[in-house]
Amino acid sequence: MISSSFRYRVGIAGAGAFAEFLAGALAPLPSFHLAAVAGRTAEKRQRVIDAYRRRQPQAGDVREYREAEELIVDPHVDIVILTTPPHLHAPLAERALEEGKHVLLEKPGGLTAEALRANIQLAARQNRALAVNLVLRYHPLAEAVKQLIHRTLLGPVDYASLHNAVHRVADGHWFWDERQSGGILIEHGVHFFEVGRDWFGEAIEAHGFALRETNGTRPRVGATVIHQGNGRRIPVHYYHGFTMDPAASESTHWDIHTKRGRIVLEGWIPTQLSVSGLVSDEEAACMDAWLDAIPTKPSADAIEQLQQAADRLLPPTKPSAAPRRPYERTVVLSDRHGWYEAIAQARFLDFCRLIEHPNARTLVTAEDAAADLALAETCTVTGKAVDPLDIR
């Protein structure tokens, strides 16, 4: 995952803010060469190119196209990264795969799991790589939480919740048109469903809700999902609110309650992990060693470092009858932007690994993305849009 043997000519179709971020984040990677950008305005295309050249000042010309379809047929592009609105993901991915390109899709990868799975099948027939840009599992704090849960160092999980309160997207943006975005759970919530499925197991039951405002938008949505892993059912509540004033601080946190304690993960791009509960001396030493192993500097290979340390530092243990005492520990990772870039790099390098080794299993597979999207669809379909006059 940490390196690639090749230098890929990449075209980014869709020249919004995320494309600009991605061009800058991936620019330092030897495997990434920005060959082309497609966007509706010259100004947006130039911002993407400038973000790349700030990190690669010696880079040559980057070809510009107005339409994504023009970039897709460019014979000098090996990989197409699609950062367009979600309703364009499936048809453009299909076109790119038919042209023999490898495709990395911004989430969710399509408006329906059926459409995404059709492209997964097409990619297999074409011998091309296809992945969705779900990045949160590439963050070391997400891996740290996973191991604490799976090794039951604080006992089995009883309940968990995800609270995600963020700034309101401007009125008129395609985000509010569910024909283009699919709605919040599809466009945005799949990130967190992917983490939830990894931590707690597959969803066996799910229900959603959405609250409609007087302007017709549905900025507050949620879902209650019953996950099942290792025979244990775990209720998890997911909430997303795109309502906050731009001057207010956004708030995202996971709150996980176990038989003997609590795990709290703060930040959309995680920046703080807090662990508390009752543990034996042996369990405390094990958790201290594990938390000490978390890389503190942003790096594209951080997740791989931590995974390699897991079996050494967290050996399977049988339930202990030893006395337990209170335990509390917090890990803080600074440089949020640096970590965001690092996990984007890790996702891209994992995608390159899939290109070079088609039978390899990546950390987040296309099938994972389809399962996340199917869960988001279920919660969106079952969600009832409540009339504002009914809200008290």
Protein backbone atom coordinates (compact mmCIF):
# COMPACT_ATOMS: atom_id res chain seq x y z
CA MET A 1 0.00 0.00 0.00
CA ILE A 2 2.85 2.38 0.77
CA SER A 3 4.34 2.64 -2.71
CA SER A 4 3.72 2.02 -6.39
CA SER A 5 6.09 0.86 -9.08
CA PHE A 6 4.53 2.99 -11.81
CA ARG A 7 3.75 6.59 -12.65
CA TYR A 8 0.15 6.98 -13.72
CA ARG A 9 -1.25 9.67 -15.97
CA VAL A 10 -4.37 10.82 -14.17
CA GLY A 11 -7.32 12.82 -15.40
CA ILE A 12 -9.66 14.46 -12.88
CA ALA A 13 -13.20 14.96 -14.19
CA GLY A 14 -15.09 17.50 -12.13
CA ALA A 15 -13.26 20.65 -11.05
CA GLY A 16 -14.86 21.56 -7.73
CA ALA A 17 -13.29 22.14 -4.32
CA PHE A 18 -12.63 18.46 -3.66
CA ALA A 19 -10.85 18.07 -7.02
CA GLU A 20 -8.65 21.01 -6.05
CA PHE A 21 -7.85 19.38 -2.70
CA LEU A 22 -7.14 16.02 -4.30
CA ALA A 23 -4.80 17.44 -6.95
CA GLY A 24 -2.69 19.06 -4.24
CA ALA A 25 -2.84 16.09 -1.86
CA LEU A 26 -1.75 13.53 -4.46
CA ALA A 27 0.84 15.72 -6.17
CA PRO A 28 3.79 14.61 -3.95
CA LEU A 29 3.27 10.94 -4.86
CA PRO A 30 5.74 9.68 -7.52
CA SER A 31 2.94 7.49 -8.92
CA PHE A 32 0.65 10.48 -9.57
CA HIS A 33 0.94 12.71 -12.62
CA LEU A 34 -1.92 15.09 -13.36
CA ALA A 35 -2.36 14.85 -17.11
CA ALA A 36 -5.80 16.40 -17.61
CA VAL A 37 -8.65 18.22 -15.88
CA ALA A 38 -12.27 18.55 -16.97
CA GLY A 39 -14.53 21.26 -15.61
CA ARG A 40 -17.23 23.62 -16.81
CA THR A 41 -15.23 26.84 -16.30
CA ALA A 42 -11.63 27.82 -16.99
CA GLU A 43 -11.38 29.36 -13.51
CA LYS A 44 -12.25 26.09 -11.77
CA ARG A 45 -9.91 24.07 -13.95
CA GLN A 46 -7.10 26.51 -13.23
CA ARG A 47 -7.60 26.21 -9.47
CA VAL A 48 -7.16 22.43 -9.73
CA ILE A 49 -4.05 22.81 -11.88
CA ASP A 50 -2.60 25.46 -9.55
CA ALA A 51 -3.09 23.18 -6.53
CA TYR A 52 -1.08 20.50 -8.32
CA ARG A 53 1.68 22.83 -9.50
CA ARG A 54 2.19 24.31 -6.05
CA ARG A 55 3.45 20.87 -5.03
CA GLN A 56 4.94 19.99 -8.42
CA PRO A 57 6.33 23.27 -9.82
CA GLN A 58 8.29 21.46 -12.56
CA ALA A 59 5.21 19.68 -13.91
CA GLY A 60 4.48 20.05 -17.60
CA ASP A 61 1.27 21.12 -19.27
CA VAL A 62 -2.04 19.80 -18.02
CA ARG A 63 -4.66 19.35 -20.72
CA GLU A 64 -8.01 21.03 -20.11
CA TYR A 65 -11.46 19.88 -21.18
CA ARG A 66 -14.87 21.34 -20.58
CA GLU A 67 -16.71 18.01 -20.63
CA ALA A 68 -15.85 14.87 -18.68
CA GLU A 69 -16.49 12.76 -21.77
CA GLU A 70 -13.67 14.57 -23.59
CA LEU A 71 -11.21 13.71 -20.84
CA ILE A 72 -12.37 10.09 -20.72
CA VAL A 73 -11.44 9.47 -24.36
CA ASP A 74 -8.00 11.11 -24.00
CA PRO A 75 -5.57 8.31 -24.96
CA HIS A 76 -2.89 9.78 -22.68
CA VAL A 77 -4.94 9.22 -19.49
CA ASP A 78 -4.52 5.95 -17.57
CA ILE A 79 -6.72 6.68 -14.55
CA VAL A 80 -9.90 8.72 -14.42
CA ILE A 81 -10.83 10.20 -11.05
CA LEU A 82 -14.49 11.21 -11.06
CA THR A 83 -15.31 14.10 -8.72
CA THR A 84 -18.56 15.10 -10.40
CA PRO A 85 -21.96 15.22 -8.62
CA PRO A 86 -23.13 11.70 -7.69
CA HIS A 87 -25.79 11.32 -10.40
CA LEU A 88 -23.00 11.36 -12.99
CA HIS A 89 -20.81 8.75 -11.27
CA ALA A 90 -22.33 5.61 -12.73
CA PRO A 91 -22.74 6.72 -16.38
CA LEU A 92 -19.31 8.35 -16.53
CA ALA A 93 -17.64 5.38 -14.84
CA GLU A 94 -19.28 3.06 -17.36
CA ARG A 95 -17.99 5.21 -20.22
CA ALA A 96 -14.47 5.34 -18.77
CA LEU A 97 -14.32 1.58 -18.20
CA GLU A 98 -15.48 0.98 -21.76
CA GLU A 99 -12.58 3.18 -22.89
CA GLY A 100 -10.18 0.98 -20.95
CA LYS A 101 -9.47 3.40 -18.10
CA HIS A 102 -9.02 2.56 -14.46
CA VAL A 103 -11.59 4.47 -12.41
CA LEU A 104 -11.46 5.97 -8.92
CA LEU A 105 -14.85 7.37 -8.00
CA GLU A 106 -15.61 9.99 -5.40
CA LYS A 107 -18.19 8.62 -2.98
CA PRO A 108 -20.86 7.34 -3.21
CA GLY A 109 -19.96 5.90 -6.63
CA GLY A 110 -23.53 6.10 -7.93
CA LEU A 111 -27.03 6.85 -6.80
CA THR A 112 -27.85 3.16 -6.34
CA ALA A 113 -25.95 0.08 -5.27
CA GLU A 114 -27.32 -1.68 -8.35
CA ALA A 115 -25.64 0.86 -10.66
CA LEU A 116 -22.36 0.63 -8.76
CA ARG A 117 -22.40 -3.17 -8.84
CA ALA A 118 -23.03 -3.10 -12.59
CA ASN A 119 -19.84 -1.07 -12.99
CA ILE A 120 -17.95 -3.44 -10.67
CA GLN A 121 -18.93 -6.26 -13.01
CA LEU A 122 -17.96 -4.21 -16.06
CA ALA A 123 -14.56 -3.43 -14.54
CA ALA A 124 -13.98 -7.16 -14.03
CA ARG A 125 -14.86 -7.90 -17.66
CA GLN A 126 -12.58 -5.11 -18.85
CA ASN A 127 -9.73 -6.11 -16.50
CA ARG A 128 -9.72 -2.58 -15.10
CA ALA A 129 -9.52 -1.39 -11.50
CA LEU A 130 -12.52 0.33 -9.94
CA ALA A 131 -12.74 1.79 -6.43
CA VAL A 132 -14.66 4.41 -4.47
CA ASN A 133 -12.77 7.13 -2.60
CA LEU A 134 -13.87 6.18 0.94
CA VAL A 135 -10.93 7.31 3.08
CA LEU A 136 -11.82 7.17 6.79
CA ARG A 137 -10.64 3.61 7.36
CA TYR A 138 -7.17 4.67 6.19
CA HIS A 139 -6.84 6.89 9.28
CA PRO A 140 -4.83 5.32 12.14
CA LEU A 141 -7.31 6.40 14.82
CA ALA A 142 -10.08 4.53 12.98
CA GLU A 143 -7.87 1.42 12.95
CA ALA A 144 -7.08 1.91 16.65
CA VAL A 145 -10.79 1.94 17.49
CA LYS A 146 -11.41 -1.14 15.36
CA GLN A 147 -8.81 -3.17 17.21
CA LEU A 148 -10.05 -2.06 20.65
CA ILE A 149 -13.54 -3.20 19.63
CA HIS A 150 -12.57 -6.46 17.94
CA ARG A 151 -10.18 -7.49 20.74
CA THR A 152 -12.88 -6.59 23.33
CA LEU A 153 -10.34 -4.95 25.61
CA LEU A 154 -13.17 -3.00 27.25
CA GLY A 155 -15.68 -5.79 26.82
CA PRO A 156 -18.22 -6.17 24.01
CA VAL A 157 -19.95 -3.12 22.53
CA ASP A 158 -23.50 -2.45 23.76
CA TYR A 159 -24.39 0.70 21.79
CA ALA A 160 -22.78 3.38 19.62
CA SER A 161 -23.70 6.68 18.01
CA LEU A 162 -22.31 8.97 15.34
CA HIS A 163 -23.07 12.69 15.62
CA ASN A 164 -22.10 14.78 12.59
CA ALA A 165 -23.12 18.45 12.72
CA VAL A 166 -21.62 20.56 9.93
CA HIS A 167 -22.00 23.86 8.11
CA ARG A 168 -25.02 24.32 5.89
CA VAL A 169 -24.38 23.96 2.17
CA ALA A 170 -25.40 27.06 0.21
CA ASP A 171 -28.96 27.18 -1.11
CA GLY A 172 -29.18 26.23 -4.78
CA HIS A 173 -26.22 23.85 -4.61
CA TRP A 174 -26.69 20.48 -6.33
CA PHE A 175 -26.29 18.91 -2.87
CA TRP A 176 -29.92 19.81 -2.07
CA ASP A 177 -31.27 18.28 -5.29
CA GLU A 178 -31.73 14.65 -4.32
CA ARG A 179 -32.03 13.70 -7.99
CA GLN A 180 -28.36 14.66 -8.26
CA SER A 181 -27.03 13.88 -4.78
CA GLY A 182 -29.27 11.06 -3.62
CA GLY A 183 -29.72 12.84 -0.30
CA ILE A 184 -27.41 13.26 2.66
CA LEU A 185 -27.14 9.60 3.66
CA ILE A 186 -26.17 8.58 0.14
CA GLU A 187 -23.92 11.52 -0.72
CA HIS A 188 -22.28 11.87 2.69
CA GLY A 189 -23.39 9.15 5.10
CA VAL A 190 -21.67 6.31 3.24
CA HIS A 191 -18.34 7.42 4.77
CA PHE A 192 -19.66 6.59 8.23
CA PHE A 193 -21.58 3.47 7.22
CA GLU A 194 -18.28 2.12 5.92
CA VAL A 195 -16.64 2.69 9.30
CA GLY A 196 -19.66 1.27 11.15
CA ARG A 197 -19.70 -1.91 9.08
CA ASP A 198 -15.97 -2.36 9.68
CA TRP A 199 -16.22 -1.86 13.44
CA PHE A 200 -19.56 -3.43 14.31
CA GLY A 201 -20.36 -5.91 11.53
CA GLU A 202 -22.87 -6.03 8.71
CA ALA A 203 -26.25 -4.34 8.98
CA ILE A 204 -29.15 -6.73 9.58
CA GLU A 205 -31.84 -4.07 10.16
CA ALA A 206 -32.00 -0.36 9.36
CA HIS A 207 -34.48 2.52 9.53
CA GLY A 208 -34.00 6.16 8.60
CA PHE A 209 -35.61 9.56 9.00
CA ALA A 210 -35.36 12.97 7.33
CA LEU A 211 -36.78 16.29 8.51
CA ARG A 212 -37.97 18.66 5.82
CA GLU A 213 -37.69 22.44 6.24
CA THR A 214 -39.98 25.10 4.78
CA ASN A 215 -37.61 25.65 1.82
CA GLY A 216 -38.00 22.00 0.81
CA THR A 217 -34.53 20.83 1.87
CA ARG A 218 -33.94 17.96 4.29
CA PRO A 219 -30.84 19.06 6.22
CA ARG A 220 -31.31 16.80 9.27
CA VAL A 221 -31.28 13.07 8.66
CA GLY A 222 -30.48 9.98 10.63
CA ALA A 223 -30.63 6.24 10.79
CA THR A 224 -30.77 3.52 13.40
CA VAL A 225 -28.91 0.42 12.25
CA ILE A 226 -28.61 -2.95 13.95
CA HIS A 227 -25.16 -4.31 13.13
CA GLN A 228 -24.15 -7.89 13.84
CA GLY A 229 -20.60 -9.09 14.35
CA ASN A 230 -19.41 -12.30 16.00
CA GLY A 231 -23.00 -13.18 16.82
CA ARG A 232 -23.65 -9.98 18.78
CA ARG A 233 -26.24 -7.38 17.76
CA ILE A 234 -25.21 -3.75 18.20
CA PRO A 235 -27.61 -0.81 17.77
CA VAL A 236 -25.92 2.24 16.24
CA HIS A 237 -27.53 5.61 15.69
CA TYR A 238 -26.22 7.86 12.89
CA TYR A 239 -27.12 11.57 12.75
CA HIS A 240 -26.12 14.16 10.14
CA GLY A 241 -27.13 17.80 10.32
CA PHE A 242 -26.11 20.30 7.64
CA THR A 243 -27.52 23.25 9.59
CA MET A 244 -24.69 25.06 11.31
CA ASP A 245 -23.83 28.73 10.93
CA PRO A 246 -20.54 29.17 9.01
CA ALA A 247 -19.06 30.99 12.02
CA ALA A 248 -19.83 28.10 14.39
CA SER A 249 -17.51 25.16 14.97
CA GLU A 250 -18.47 21.90 13.32
CA SER A 251 -18.83 18.82 15.49
CA THR A 252 -18.31 15.17 14.59
CA HIS A 253 -17.84 12.38 17.09
CA TRP A 254 -18.33 8.67 17.62
CA ASP A 255 -19.46 7.59 21.09
CA ILE A 256 -19.08 3.84 21.70
CA HIS A 257 -20.31 2.25 24.93
CA THR A 258 -19.00 -1.14 25.99
CA LYS A 259 -19.58 -3.45 28.95
CA ARG A 260 -16.68 -1.93 30.85
CA GLY A 261 -16.09 1.47 29.36
CA ARG A 262 -16.34 4.00 26.59
CA ILE A 263 -14.50 4.97 23.40
CA VAL A 264 -14.91 8.46 21.92
CA LEU A 265 -13.47 9.49 18.56
CA GLU A 266 -13.57 13.19 17.70
CA GLY A 267 -13.48 14.84 14.29
CA TRP A 268 -14.71 14.22 10.74
CA ILE A 269 -11.03 13.74 10.00
CA PRO A 270 -10.28 12.19 13.40
CA THR A 271 -8.04 14.24 15.68
CA GLN A 272 -8.66 12.81 19.15
CA LEU A 273 -9.31 9.37 20.63
CA SER A 274 -10.36 8.96 24.27
CA VAL A 275 -10.57 5.59 26.01
CA SER A 276 -11.89 5.01 29.52
CA GLY A 277 -13.11 2.06 31.55
CA LEU A 278 -12.27 -0.75 33.94
CA VAL A 279 -9.30 -2.90 32.94
CA SER A 280 -6.80 -5.28 34.49
CA ASP A 281 -3.13 -4.33 34.76
CA GLU A 282 -2.39 -6.62 31.83
CA GLU A 283 -5.13 -5.02 29.71
CA ALA A 284 -3.93 -1.53 30.65
CA ALA A 285 -0.38 -2.34 29.58
CA CYS A 286 -1.69 -3.81 26.33
CA MET A 287 -3.79 -0.73 25.54
CA ASP A 288 -0.97 1.65 26.45
CA ALA A 289 1.38 -0.15 24.07
CA TRP A 290 -1.26 -0.08 21.34
CA LEU A 291 -2.06 3.61 21.73
CA ASP A 292 1.66 4.45 21.89
CA ALA A 293 2.05 2.74 18.49
CA ILE A 294 -0.28 5.20 16.75
CA PRO A 295 1.82 7.31 14.32
CA THR A 296 1.75 10.98 15.27
CA LYS A 297 2.99 12.49 11.99
CA PRO A 298 0.80 12.35 8.86
CA SER A 299 1.99 9.59 6.56
CA ALA A 300 0.43 7.61 3.73
CA ASP A 301 1.72 4.39 5.29
CA ALA A 302 0.45 5.08 8.82
CA ILE A 303 -2.37 2.57 8.57
CA GLU A 304 0.00 -0.13 7.36
CA GLN A 305 2.41 0.56 10.23
CA LEU A 306 -0.41 0.18 12.73
CA GLN A 307 -1.84 -2.96 11.14
CA GLN A 308 1.57 -4.62 11.28
CA ALA A 309 1.80 -3.78 15.00
CA ALA A 310 -1.65 -5.11 15.89
CA ASP A 311 -0.90 -8.82 16.29
CA ARG A 312 2.35 -8.10 18.10
CA LEU A 313 0.85 -5.63 20.58
CA LEU A 314 -2.69 -6.96 20.86
CA PRO A 315 -2.48 -10.75 21.13
CA PRO A 316 -5.78 -12.55 21.54
CA THR A 317 -6.50 -12.85 25.26
CA LYS A 318 -8.98 -14.94 27.19
CA PRO A 319 -11.30 -13.24 29.68
CA SER A 320 -9.36 -12.54 32.84
CA ALA A 321 -10.51 -12.84 36.43
CA ALA A 322 -7.81 -10.39 37.55
CA PRO A 323 -8.92 -7.32 39.50
CA ARG A 324 -9.76 -4.31 37.37
CA ARG A 325 -9.08 -0.64 37.95
CA PRO A 326 -10.12 2.63 36.27
CA TYR A 327 -8.25 3.45 33.08
CA GLU A 328 -8.27 6.66 31.07
CA ARG A 329 -6.17 7.69 28.11
CA THR A 330 -6.42 10.30 25.33
CA VAL A 331 -4.45 10.43 22.08
CA VAL A 332 -4.41 13.69 20.10
CA LEU A 333 -3.22 14.00 16.50
CA SER A 334 -2.54 17.54 15.32
CA ASP A 335 -2.31 18.69 11.70
CA ARG A 336 -5.82 17.77 10.61
CA HIS A 337 -5.19 18.90 7.01
CA GLY A 338 -1.99 16.87 6.85
CA TRP A 339 -3.86 13.75 7.94
CA TYR A 340 -6.60 14.41 5.41
CA GLU A 341 -3.96 14.51 2.69
CA ALA A 342 -2.28 11.39 4.07
CA ILE A 343 -5.43 9.25 4.03
CA ALA A 344 -6.26 10.48 0.51
CA GLN A 345 -2.77 9.39 -0.54
CA ALA A 346 -3.19 6.03 1.17
CA ARG A 347 -6.47 5.43 -0.66
CA PHE A 348 -4.86 6.31 -4.01
CA LEU A 349 -1.85 4.06 -3.39
CA ASP A 350 -4.16 1.20 -2.40
CA PHE A 351 -5.98 1.77 -5.70
CA CYS A 352 -2.65 1.64 -7.58
CA ARG A 353 -1.93 -1.65 -5.81
CA LEU A 354 -5.21 -3.01 -7.20
CA ILE A 355 -4.15 -1.96 -10.71
CA GLU A 356 -0.79 -3.68 -10.37
CA HIS A 357 -2.09 -6.76 -8.52
CA PRO A 358 -5.70 -7.36 -9.64
CA ASN A 359 -6.23 -10.24 -7.22
CA ALA A 360 -5.10 -8.24 -4.20
CA ARG A 361 -7.68 -7.24 -1.61
CA THR A 362 -7.61 -3.55 -0.87
CA LEU A 363 -8.48 -2.15 2.55
CA VAL A 364 -11.80 -0.80 1.22
CA THR A 365 -13.11 -2.74 -1.76
CA ALA A 366 -15.61 -1.71 -4.41
CA GLU A 367 -17.94 -4.32 -2.92
CA ASP A 368 -17.63 -2.54 0.44
CA ALA A 369 -18.69 0.69 -1.24
CA ALA A 370 -21.70 -1.04 -2.78
CA ALA A 371 -22.73 -2.41 0.62
CA ASP A 372 -22.41 1.08 2.15
CA LEU A 373 -24.51 2.52 -0.64
CA ALA A 374 -27.16 -0.20 -0.28
CA LEU A 375 -27.42 0.60 3.44
CA ALA A 376 -27.72 4.33 2.69
CA GLU A 377 -30.45 3.58 0.15
CA THR A 378 -32.40 1.52 2.68
CA CYS A 379 -32.26 4.28 5.26
CA THR A 380 -33.16 6.93 2.70
CA VAL A 381 -36.09 4.94 1.29
CA THR A 382 -37.52 4.16 4.72
CA GLY A 383 -36.97 7.68 6.00
CA LYS A 384 -40.12 9.78 6.30
CA ALA A 385 -39.86 13.46 5.40
CA VAL A 386 -41.71 15.18 8.24
CA ASP A 387 -43.72 18.27 7.40
CA PRO A 388 -42.38 21.32 9.37
CA LEU A 389 -45.86 21.96 10.80
CA ASP A 390 -45.70 18.53 12.44
CA ILE A 391 -42.46 19.28 14.29
CA ARG A 392 -42.98 20.47 17.86
